Amino acid sequence: MGIAIGTGTDVAIETADVVLVKSNPMDVLNIIKLSKATYNKMLQNLWWAAGYNIAAIPLAAGILYPMGIVLSPAVGAILMSLSTVIVAINAKLLKID
């Protein structure tokens, strides 16, 4: 990962992944905190989506049909949309300690 200081050369700024606008090298610590928080949030969303699909796919396939429980396609679509909304809301709750 390349980090450039905002007052650096144009080549450094163009090729860097992150540019420190305030030219404060201590902001590198904030970048590290942000990357860790983002990674943790990504894992939370991955587990949520995987857990949801592990539960919802068998229901949509009719695993509970012998018990008289049938999931209509419309309900399945609503639940899938709800899963997407929950993942998006969880992503918006990203906070840096």
PDB file of N, CA and C in Angstrom:
ATOM      1  N   MET A   1       0.850  -1.167   0.000  1.00  0.00           N
ATOM      2  CA  MET A   1       0.000   0.000   0.000  1.00  0.00           C
ATOM      3  C   MET A   1       0.895   1.229   0.000  1.00  0.00           C
ATOM      4  N   GLY A   2       0.608   2.150  -0.876  1.00  0.00           N
ATOM      5  CA  GLY A   2       1.391   3.378  -0.965  1.00  0.00           C
ATOM      6  C   GLY A   2       0.689   4.533  -0.295  1.00  0.00           C
ATOM      7  N   ILE A   3       1.446   5.267   0.494  1.00  0.00           N
ATOM      8  CA  ILE A   3       0.916   6.445   1.189  1.00  0.00           C
ATOM      9  C   ILE A   3       1.755   7.641   0.773  1.00  0.00           C
ATOM     10  N   ALA A   4       1.098   8.708   0.357  1.00  0.00           N
ATOM     11  CA  ALA A   4       1.804   9.929  -0.040  1.00  0.00           C
ATOM     12  C   ALA A   4       1.334  11.079   0.839  1.00  0.00           C
ATOM     13  N   ILE A   5       2.198  12.031   1.026  1.00  0.00           N
ATOM     14  CA  ILE A   5       1.852  13.249   1.760  1.00  0.00           C
ATOM     15  C   ILE A   5       1.344  14.257   0.744  1.00  0.00           C
ATOM     16  N   GLY A   6       0.275  14.969   1.093  1.00  0.00           N
ATOM     17  CA  GLY A   6      -0.396  15.874   0.178  1.00  0.00           C
ATOM     18  C   GLY A   6       0.494  16.911  -0.464  1.00  0.00           C
ATOM     19  N   THR A   7       1.578  17.286   0.190  1.00  0.00           N
ATOM     20  CA  THR A   7       2.487  18.281  -0.383  1.00  0.00           C
ATOM     21  C   THR A   7       3.621  17.634  -1.155  1.00  0.00           C
ATOM     22  N   GLY A   8       3.511  16.319  -1.388  1.00  0.00           N
ATOM     23  CA  GLY A   8       4.547  15.588  -2.111  1.00  0.00           C
ATOM     24  C   GLY A   8       4.485  15.845  -3.606  1.00  0.00           C
ATOM     25  N   THR A   9       5.310  15.136  -4.338  1.00  0.00           N
ATOM     26  CA  THR A   9       5.351  15.310  -5.787  1.00  0.00           C
ATOM     27  C   THR A   9       4.092  14.764  -6.425  1.00  0.00           C
ATOM     28  N   ASP A  10       3.803  15.248  -7.627  1.00  0.00           N
ATOM     29  CA  ASP A  10       2.609  14.797  -8.344  1.00  0.00           C
ATOM     30  C   ASP A  10       2.664  13.303  -8.637  1.00  0.00           C
ATOM     31  N   VAL A  11       3.851  12.792  -8.942  1.00  0.00           N
ATOM     32  CA  VAL A  11       3.997  11.369  -9.237  1.00  0.00           C
ATOM     33  C   VAL A  11       3.656  10.539  -8.010  1.00  0.00           C
ATOM     34  N   ALA A  12       4.135  10.956  -6.836  1.00  0.00           N
ATOM     35  CA  ALA A  12       3.851  10.229  -5.597  1.00  0.00           C
ATOM     36  C   ALA A  12       2.357  10.250  -5.287  1.00  0.00           C
ATOM     37  N   ILE A  13       1.740  11.393  -5.485  1.00  0.00           N
ATOM     38  CA  ILE A  13       0.307  11.523  -5.185  1.00  0.00           C
ATOM     39  C   ILE A  13      -0.524  10.678  -6.149  1.00  0.00           C
ATOM     40  N   GLU A  14      -0.143  10.661  -7.422  1.00  0.00           N
ATOM     41  CA  GLU A  14      -0.895   9.893  -8.424  1.00  0.00           C
ATOM     42  C   GLU A  14      -0.782   8.389  -8.207  1.00  0.00           C
ATOM     43  N   THR A  15       0.352   7.926  -7.741  1.00  0.00           N
ATOM     44  CA  THR A  15       0.556   6.483  -7.610  1.00  0.00           C
ATOM     45  C   THR A  15       0.194   5.948  -6.229  1.00  0.00           C
ATOM     46  N   ALA A  16      -0.049   6.810  -5.281  1.00  0.00           N
ATOM     47  CA  ALA A  16      -0.346   6.373  -3.912  1.00  0.00           C
ATOM     48  C   ALA A  16      -1.771   5.848  -3.801  1.00  0.00           C
ATOM     49  N   ASP A  17      -1.956   4.898  -2.899  1.00  0.00           N
ATOM     50  CA  ASP A  17      -3.292   4.395  -2.597  1.00  0.00           C
ATOM     51  C   ASP A  17      -4.026   5.345  -1.657  1.00  0.00           C
ATOM     52  N   VAL A  18      -3.263   5.996  -0.768  1.00  0.00           N
ATOM     53  CA  VAL A  18      -3.815   6.927   0.213  1.00  0.00           C
ATOM     54  C   VAL A  18      -2.963   8.194   0.185  1.00  0.00           C
ATOM     55  N   VAL A  19      -3.631   9.347   0.206  1.00  0.00           N
ATOM     56  CA  VAL A  19      -2.922  10.625   0.247  1.00  0.00           C
ATOM     57  C   VAL A  19      -3.282  11.325   1.544  1.00  0.00           C
ATOM     58  N   LEU A  20      -2.271  11.680   2.322  1.00  0.00           N
ATOM     59  CA  LEU A  20      -2.493  12.397   3.575  1.00  0.00           C
ATOM     60  C   LEU A  20      -2.653  13.876   3.256  1.00  0.00           C
ATOM     61  N   VAL A  21      -3.884  14.370   3.298  1.00  0.00           N
ATOM     62  CA  VAL A  21      -4.181  15.736   2.900  1.00  0.00           C
ATOM     63  C   VAL A  21      -3.561  16.734   3.864  1.00  0.00           C
ATOM     64  N   LYS A  22      -3.602  16.440   5.158  1.00  0.00           N
ATOM     65  CA  LYS A  22      -3.085  17.360   6.162  1.00  0.00           C
ATOM     66  C   LYS A  22      -1.568  17.294   6.290  1.00  0.00           C
ATOM     67  N   SER A  23      -0.933  16.390   5.556  1.00  0.00           N
ATOM     68  CA  SER A  23       0.526  16.210   5.588  1.00  0.00           C
ATOM     69  C   SER A  23       1.027  15.858   6.981  1.00  0.00           C
ATOM     70  N   ASN A  24       0.209  15.151   7.742  1.00  0.00           N
ATOM     71  CA  ASN A  24       0.576  14.741   9.086  1.00  0.00           C
ATOM     72  C   ASN A  24       0.876  13.239   9.077  1.00  0.00           C
ATOM     73  N   PRO A  25       2.135  12.852   9.240  1.00  0.00           N
ATOM     74  CA  PRO A  25       2.473  11.431   9.205  1.00  0.00           C
ATOM     75  C   PRO A  25       1.791  10.619  10.312  1.00  0.00           C
ATOM     76  N   MET A  26       1.354  11.247  11.377  1.00  0.00           N
ATOM     77  CA  MET A  26       0.663  10.525  12.453  1.00  0.00           C
ATOM     78  C   MET A  26      -0.699   9.996  11.994  1.00  0.00           C
ATOM     79  N   ASP A  27      -1.205  10.518  10.878  1.00  0.00           N
ATOM     80  CA  ASP A  27      -2.476  10.023  10.357  1.00  0.00           C
ATOM     81  C   ASP A  27      -2.368   8.589   9.836  1.00  0.00           C
ATOM     82  N   VAL A  28      -1.163   8.081   9.681  1.00  0.00           N
ATOM     83  CA  VAL A  28      -0.981   6.690   9.267  1.00  0.00           C
ATOM     84  C   VAL A  28      -1.621   5.761  10.305  1.00  0.00           C
ATOM     85  N   LEU A  29      -1.550   6.119  11.569  1.00  0.00           N
ATOM     86  CA  LEU A  29      -2.192   5.314  12.615  1.00  0.00           C
ATOM     87  C   LEU A  29      -3.709   5.270  12.424  1.00  0.00           C
ATOM     88  N   ASN A  30      -4.286   6.396  12.012  1.00  0.00           N
ATOM     89  CA  ASN A  30      -5.728   6.428  11.750  1.00  0.00           C
ATOM     90  C   ASN A  30      -6.082   5.557  10.550  1.00  0.00           C
ATOM     91  N   ILE A  31      -5.203   5.519   9.556  1.00  0.00           N
ATOM     92  CA  ILE A  31      -5.435   4.670   8.388  1.00  0.00           C
ATOM     93  C   ILE A  31      -5.446   3.201   8.818  1.00  0.00           C
ATOM     94  N   ILE A  32      -4.523   2.831   9.686  1.00  0.00           N
ATOM     95  CA  ILE A  32      -4.450   1.453  10.164  1.00  0.00           C
ATOM     96  C   ILE A  32      -5.710   1.102  10.969  1.00  0.00           C
ATOM     97  N   LYS A  33      -6.159   2.023  11.835  1.00  0.00           N
ATOM     98  CA  LYS A  33      -7.387   1.788  12.603  1.00  0.00           C
ATOM     99  C   LYS A  33      -8.587   1.642  11.677  1.00  0.00           C
ATOM    100  N   LEU A  34      -8.664   2.495  10.667  1.00  0.00           N
ATOM    101  CA  LEU A  34      -9.772   2.427   9.715  1.00  0.00           C
ATOM    102  C   LEU A  34      -9.754   1.115   8.948  1.00  0.00           C
ATOM    103  N   SER A  35      -8.584   0.676   8.540  1.00  0.00           N
ATOM    104  CA  SER A  35      -8.515  -0.577   7.781  1.00  0.00           C
ATOM    105  C   SER A  35      -8.911  -1.764   8.644  1.00  0.00           C
ATOM    106  N   LYS A  36      -8.519  -1.783   9.913  1.00  0.00           N
ATOM    107  CA  LYS A  36      -8.914  -2.875  10.810  1.00  0.00           C
ATOM    108  C   LYS A  36     -10.420  -2.864  11.060  1.00  0.00           C
ATOM    109  N   ALA A  37     -10.982  -1.678  11.277  1.00  0.00           N
ATOM    110  CA  ALA A  37     -12.427  -1.573  11.511  1.00  0.00           C
ATOM    111  C   ALA A  37     -13.206  -1.991  10.263  1.00  0.00           C
ATOM    112  N   THR A  38     -12.716  -1.607   9.092  1.00  0.00           N
ATOM    113  CA  THR A  38     -13.375  -1.983   7.845  1.00  0.00           C
ATOM    114  C   THR A  38     -13.324  -3.485   7.636  1.00  0.00           C
ATOM    115  N   TYR A  39     -12.183  -4.091   7.919  1.00  0.00           N
ATOM    116  CA  TYR A  39     -12.038  -5.532   7.769  1.00  0.00           C
ATOM    117  C   TYR A  39     -12.983  -6.276   8.718  1.00  0.00           C
ATOM    118  N   ASN A  40     -13.067  -5.830   9.963  1.00  0.00           N
ATOM    119  CA  ASN A  40     -13.969  -6.464  10.928  1.00  0.00           C
ATOM    120  C   ASN A  40     -15.433  -6.340  10.487  1.00  0.00           C
ATOM    121  N   LYS A  41     -15.802  -5.177   9.969  1.00  0.00           N
ATOM    122  CA  LYS A  41     -17.176  -4.965   9.499  1.00  0.00           C
ATOM    123  C   LYS A  41     -17.455  -5.854   8.293  1.00  0.00           C
ATOM    124  N   MET A  42     -16.452  -6.023   7.426  1.00  0.00           N
ATOM    125  CA  MET A  42     -16.607  -6.887   6.272  1.00  0.00           C
ATOM    126  C   MET A  42     -16.848  -8.338   6.713  1.00  0.00           C
ATOM    127  N   LEU A  43     -16.118  -8.786   7.733  1.00  0.00           N
ATOM    128  CA  LEU A  43     -16.318 -10.136   8.252  1.00  0.00           C
ATOM    129  C   LEU A  43     -17.714 -10.302   8.851  1.00  0.00           C
ATOM    130  N   GLN A  44     -18.182  -9.282   9.587  1.00  0.00           N
ATOM    131  CA  GLN A  44     -19.537  -9.340  10.143  1.00  0.00           C
ATOM    132  C   GLN A  44     -20.570  -9.503   9.041  1.00  0.00           C
ATOM    133  N   ASN A  45     -20.444  -8.714   7.984  1.00  0.00           N
ATOM    134  CA  ASN A  45     -21.397  -8.781   6.879  1.00  0.00           C
ATOM    135  C   ASN A  45     -21.306 -10.117   6.146  1.00  0.00           C
ATOM    136  N   LEU A  46     -20.103 -10.652   6.018  1.00  0.00           N
ATOM    137  CA  LEU A  46     -19.930 -11.948   5.367  1.00  0.00           C
ATOM    138  C   LEU A  46     -20.620 -13.044   6.174  1.00  0.00           C
ATOM    139  N   TRP A  47     -20.423 -13.037   7.494  1.00  0.00           N
ATOM    140  CA  TRP A  47     -21.070 -14.044   8.341  1.00  0.00           C
ATOM    141  C   TRP A  47     -22.582 -13.883   8.340  1.00  0.00           C
ATOM    142  N   TRP A  48     -23.058 -12.651   8.334  1.00  0.00           N
ATOM    143  CA  TRP A  48     -24.502 -12.440   8.285  1.00  0.00           C
ATOM    144  C   TRP A  48     -25.072 -13.014   6.992  1.00  0.00           C
ATOM    145  N   ALA A  49     -24.464 -12.668   5.872  1.00  0.00           N
ATOM    146  CA  ALA A  49     -24.980 -13.122   4.578  1.00  0.00           C
ATOM    147  C   ALA A  49     -24.889 -14.648   4.462  1.00  0.00           C
ATOM    148  N   ALA A  50     -23.787 -15.217   4.912  1.00  0.00           N
ATOM    149  CA  ALA A  50     -23.626 -16.675   4.835  1.00  0.00           C
ATOM    150  C   ALA A  50     -24.638 -17.378   5.737  1.00  0.00           C
ATOM    151  N   GLY A  51     -24.806 -16.891   6.955  1.00  0.00           N
ATOM    152  CA  GLY A  51     -25.773 -17.488   7.880  1.00  0.00           C
ATOM    153  C   GLY A  51     -27.189 -17.384   7.350  1.00  0.00           C
ATOM    154  N   TYR A  52     -27.507 -16.255   6.775  1.00  0.00           N
ATOM    155  CA  TYR A  52     -28.834 -16.070   6.207  1.00  0.00           C
ATOM    156  C   TYR A  52     -29.073 -17.081   5.087  1.00  0.00           C
ATOM    157  N   ASN A  53     -28.100 -17.217   4.194  1.00  0.00           N
ATOM    158  CA  ASN A  53     -28.270 -18.133   3.063  1.00  0.00           C
ATOM    159  C   ASN A  53     -28.311 -19.588   3.512  1.00  0.00           C
ATOM    160  N   ILE A  54     -27.555 -19.925   4.544  1.00  0.00           N
ATOM    161  CA  ILE A  54     -27.584 -21.297   5.061  1.00  0.00           C
ATOM    162  C   ILE A  54     -28.982 -21.635   5.581  1.00  0.00           C
ATOM    163  N   ALA A  55     -29.657 -20.655   6.164  1.00  0.00           N
ATOM    164  CA  ALA A  55     -31.009 -20.889   6.686  1.00  0.00           C
ATOM    165  C   ALA A  55     -32.081 -20.735   5.604  1.00  0.00           C
ATOM    166  N   ALA A  56     -31.928 -19.742   4.734  1.00  0.00           N
ATOM    167  CA  ALA A  56     -33.003 -19.402   3.801  1.00  0.00           C
ATOM    168  C   ALA A  56     -33.072 -20.313   2.582  1.00  0.00           C
ATOM    169  N   ILE A  57     -31.937 -20.778   2.096  1.00  0.00           N
ATOM    170  CA  ILE A  57     -31.966 -21.603   0.883  1.00  0.00           C
ATOM    171  C   ILE A  57     -32.735 -22.912   1.107  1.00  0.00           C
ATOM    172  N   PRO A  58     -32.498 -23.642   2.203  1.00  0.00           N
ATOM    173  CA  PRO A  58     -33.314 -24.851   2.416  1.00  0.00           C
ATOM    174  C   PRO A  58     -34.810 -24.535   2.579  1.00  0.00           C
ATOM    175  N   LEU A  59     -35.126 -23.405   3.215  1.00  0.00           N
ATOM    176  CA  LEU A  59     -36.541 -23.028   3.342  1.00  0.00           C
ATOM    177  C   LEU A  59     -37.148 -22.767   1.974  1.00  0.00           C
ATOM    178  N   ALA A  60     -36.410 -22.037   1.127  1.00  0.00           N
ATOM    179  CA  ALA A  60     -36.913 -21.741  -0.212  1.00  0.00           C
ATOM    180  C   ALA A  60     -37.012 -23.004  -1.060  1.00  0.00           C
ATOM    181  N   ALA A  61     -36.157 -23.978  -0.776  1.00  0.00           N
ATOM    182  CA  ALA A  61     -36.187 -25.237  -1.529  1.00  0.00           C
ATOM    183  C   ALA A  61     -37.317 -26.152  -1.060  1.00  0.00           C
ATOM    184  N   GLY A  62     -37.954 -25.832   0.048  1.00  0.00           N
ATOM    185  CA  GLY A  62     -39.101 -26.598   0.504  1.00  0.00           C
ATOM    186  C   GLY A  62     -38.781 -27.676   1.514  1.00  0.00           C
ATOM    187  N   ILE A  63     -37.748 -27.491   2.298  1.00  0.00           N
ATOM    188  CA  ILE A  63     -37.372 -28.514   3.282  1.00  0.00           C
ATOM    189  C   ILE A  63     -38.464 -28.716   4.339  1.00  0.00           C
ATOM    190  N   LEU A  64     -39.245 -27.686   4.605  1.00  0.00           N
ATOM    191  CA  LEU A  64     -40.319 -27.800   5.596  1.00  0.00           C
ATOM    192  C   LEU A  64     -41.679 -28.105   4.965  1.00  0.00           C
ATOM    193  N   TYR A  65     -41.680 -28.438   3.677  1.00  0.00           N
ATOM    194  CA  TYR A  65     -42.937 -28.760   2.991  1.00  0.00           C
ATOM    195  C   TYR A  65     -43.686 -29.925   3.635  1.00  0.00           C
ATOM    196  N   PRO A  66     -42.987 -30.977   4.070  1.00  0.00           N
ATOM    197  CA  PRO A  66     -43.729 -32.083   4.716  1.00  0.00           C
ATOM    198  C   PRO A  66     -44.490 -31.654   5.971  1.00  0.00           C
ATOM    199  N   MET A  67     -44.063 -30.575   6.603  1.00  0.00           N
ATOM    200  CA  MET A  67     -44.754 -30.079   7.799  1.00  0.00           C
ATOM    201  C   MET A  67     -45.808 -29.042   7.447  1.00  0.00           C
ATOM    202  N   GLY A  68     -45.976 -28.793   6.155  1.00  0.00           N
ATOM    203  CA  GLY A  68     -46.989 -27.837   5.725  1.00  0.00           C
ATOM    204  C   GLY A  68     -46.515 -26.402   5.668  1.00  0.00           C
ATOM    205  N   ILE A  69     -45.231 -26.181   5.828  1.00  0.00           N
ATOM    206  CA  ILE A  69     -44.698 -24.820   5.769  1.00  0.00           C
ATOM    207  C   ILE A  69     -44.068 -24.621   4.391  1.00  0.00           C
ATOM    208  N   VAL A  70     -44.646 -23.677   3.644  1.00  0.00           N
ATOM    209  CA  VAL A  70     -44.165 -23.394   2.297  1.00  0.00           C
ATOM    210  C   VAL A  70     -43.815 -21.910   2.228  1.00  0.00           C
ATOM    211  N   LEU A  71     -42.640 -21.621   1.726  1.00  0.00           N
ATOM    212  CA  LEU A  71     -42.186 -20.238   1.569  1.00  0.00           C
ATOM    213  C   LEU A  71     -42.476 -19.801   0.133  1.00  0.00           C
ATOM    214  N   SER A  72     -43.371 -18.843  -0.015  1.00  0.00           N
ATOM    215  CA  SER A  72     -43.714 -18.386  -1.369  1.00  0.00           C
ATOM    216  C   SER A  72     -42.546 -17.593  -1.954  1.00  0.00           C
ATOM    217  N   PRO A  73     -42.459 -17.526  -3.268  1.00  0.00           N
ATOM    218  CA  PRO A  73     -41.387 -16.755  -3.896  1.00  0.00           C
ATOM    219  C   PRO A  73     -41.409 -15.276  -3.506  1.00  0.00           C
ATOM    220  N   ALA A  74     -42.584 -14.726  -3.309  1.00  0.00           N
ATOM    221  CA  ALA A  74     -42.687 -13.316  -2.922  1.00  0.00           C
ATOM    222  C   ALA A  74     -42.077 -13.092  -1.535  1.00  0.00           C
ATOM    223  N   VAL A  75     -42.356 -13.992  -0.608  1.00  0.00           N
ATOM    224  CA  VAL A  75     -41.782 -13.884   0.739  1.00  0.00           C
ATOM    225  C   VAL A  75     -40.275 -14.078   0.678  1.00  0.00           C
ATOM    226  N   GLY A  76     -39.819 -15.014  -0.148  1.00  0.00           N
ATOM    227  CA  GLY A  76     -38.388 -15.226  -0.328  1.00  0.00           C
ATOM    228  C   GLY A  76     -37.696 -13.983  -0.864  1.00  0.00           C
ATOM    229  N   ALA A  77     -38.325 -13.303  -1.812  1.00  0.00           N
ATOM    230  CA  ALA A  77     -37.752 -12.070  -2.363  1.00  0.00           C
ATOM    231  C   ALA A  77     -37.686 -10.973  -1.311  1.00  0.00           C
ATOM    232  N   ILE A  78     -38.731 -10.878  -0.495  1.00  0.00           N
ATOM    233  CA  ILE A  78     -38.739  -9.865   0.570  1.00  0.00           C
ATOM    234  C   ILE A  78     -37.645 -10.155   1.592  1.00  0.00           C
ATOM    235  N   LEU A  79     -37.491 -11.423   1.960  1.00  0.00           N
ATOM    236  CA  LEU A  79     -36.451 -11.786   2.924  1.00  0.00           C
ATOM    237  C   LEU A  79     -35.053 -11.541   2.367  1.00  0.00           C
ATOM    238  N   MET A  80     -34.859 -11.801   1.075  1.00  0.00           N
ATOM    239  CA  MET A  80     -33.562 -11.548   0.475  1.00  0.00           C
ATOM    240  C   MET A  80     -33.275 -10.048   0.456  1.00  0.00           C
ATOM    241  N   SER A  81     -34.273  -9.243   0.157  1.00  0.00           N
ATOM    242  CA  SER A  81     -34.106  -7.791   0.186  1.00  0.00           C
ATOM    243  C   SER A  81     -33.808  -7.320   1.605  1.00  0.00           C
ATOM    244  N   LEU A  82     -34.479  -7.913   2.581  1.00  0.00           N
ATOM    245  CA  LEU A  82     -34.243  -7.555   3.976  1.00  0.00           C
ATOM    246  C   LEU A  82     -32.805  -7.873   4.378  1.00  0.00           C
ATOM    247  N   SER A  83     -32.290  -8.991   3.912  1.00  0.00           N
ATOM    248  CA  SER A  83     -30.902  -9.345   4.198  1.00  0.00           C
ATOM    249  C   SER A  83     -29.950  -8.301   3.637  1.00  0.00           C
ATOM    250  N   THR A  84     -30.225  -7.844   2.427  1.00  0.00           N
ATOM    251  CA  THR A  84     -29.385  -6.819   1.812  1.00  0.00           C
ATOM    252  C   THR A  84     -29.447  -5.518   2.600  1.00  0.00           C
ATOM    253  N   VAL A  85     -30.630  -5.157   3.055  1.00  0.00           N
ATOM    254  CA  VAL A  85     -30.796  -3.929   3.839  1.00  0.00           C
ATOM    255  C   VAL A  85     -30.035  -4.038   5.159  1.00  0.00           C
ATOM    256  N   ILE A  86     -30.104  -5.195   5.808  1.00  0.00           N
ATOM    257  CA  ILE A  86     -29.408  -5.378   7.084  1.00  0.00           C
ATOM    258  C   ILE A  86     -27.901  -5.276   6.894  1.00  0.00           C
ATOM    259  N   VAL A  87     -27.383  -5.869   5.821  1.00  0.00           N
ATOM    260  CA  VAL A  87     -25.947  -5.774   5.549  1.00  0.00           C
ATOM    261  C   VAL A  87     -25.554  -4.321   5.280  1.00  0.00           C
ATOM    262  N   ALA A  88     -26.372  -3.595   4.539  1.00  0.00           N
ATOM    263  CA  ALA A  88     -26.072  -2.185   4.243  1.00  0.00           C
ATOM    264  C   ALA A  88     -26.107  -1.330   5.511  1.00  0.00           C
ATOM    265  N   ILE A  89     -27.088  -1.576   6.366  1.00  0.00           N
ATOM    266  CA  ILE A  89     -27.168  -0.818   7.625  1.00  0.00           C
ATOM    267  C   ILE A  89     -25.971  -1.135   8.515  1.00  0.00           C
ATOM    268  N   ASN A  90     -25.586  -2.405   8.576  1.00  0.00           N
ATOM    269  CA  ASN A  90     -24.422  -2.787   9.366  1.00  0.00           C
ATOM    270  C   ASN A  90     -23.169  -2.100   8.837  1.00  0.00           C
ATOM    271  N   ALA A  91     -23.040  -1.995   7.529  1.00  0.00           N
ATOM    272  CA  ALA A  91     -21.882  -1.309   6.948  1.00  0.00           C
ATOM    273  C   ALA A  91     -21.881   0.174   7.312  1.00  0.00           C
ATOM    274  N   LYS A  92     -23.075   0.787   7.361  1.00  0.00           N
ATOM    275  CA  LYS A  92     -23.156   2.207   7.722  1.00  0.00           C
ATOM    276  C   LYS A  92     -22.801   2.448   9.192  1.00  0.00           C
ATOM    277  N   LEU A  93     -22.860   1.415  10.005  1.00  0.00           N
ATOM    278  CA  LEU A  93     -22.548   1.557  11.431  1.00  0.00           C
ATOM    279  C   LEU A  93     -21.052   1.452  11.716  1.00  0.00           C
ATOM    280  N   LEU A  94     -20.236   1.498  10.666  1.00  0.00           N
ATOM    281  CA  LEU A  94     -18.780   1.430  10.836  1.00  0.00           C
ATOM    282  C   LEU A  94     -18.306   2.597  11.689  1.00  0.00           C
ATOM    283  N   LYS A  95     -17.610   2.272  12.753  1.00  0.00           N
ATOM    284  CA  LYS A  95     -17.071   3.301  13.652  1.00  0.00           C
ATOM    285  C   LYS A  95     -15.607   2.985  13.923  1.00  0.00           C
ATOM    286  N   ILE A  96     -14.834   4.031  14.073  1.00  0.00           N
ATOM    287  CA  ILE A  96     -13.424   3.868  14.439  1.00  0.00           C
ATOM    288  C   ILE A  96     -13.309   4.182  15.920  1.00  0.00           C
ATOM    289  N   ASP A  97     -12.736   3.246  16.675  1.00  0.00           N
ATOM    290  CA  ASP A  97     -12.603   3.442  18.128  1.00  0.00           C
ATOM    291  C   ASP A  97     -11.720   4.604  18.473  1.00  0.00           C
TER     292      ASP A  97
END
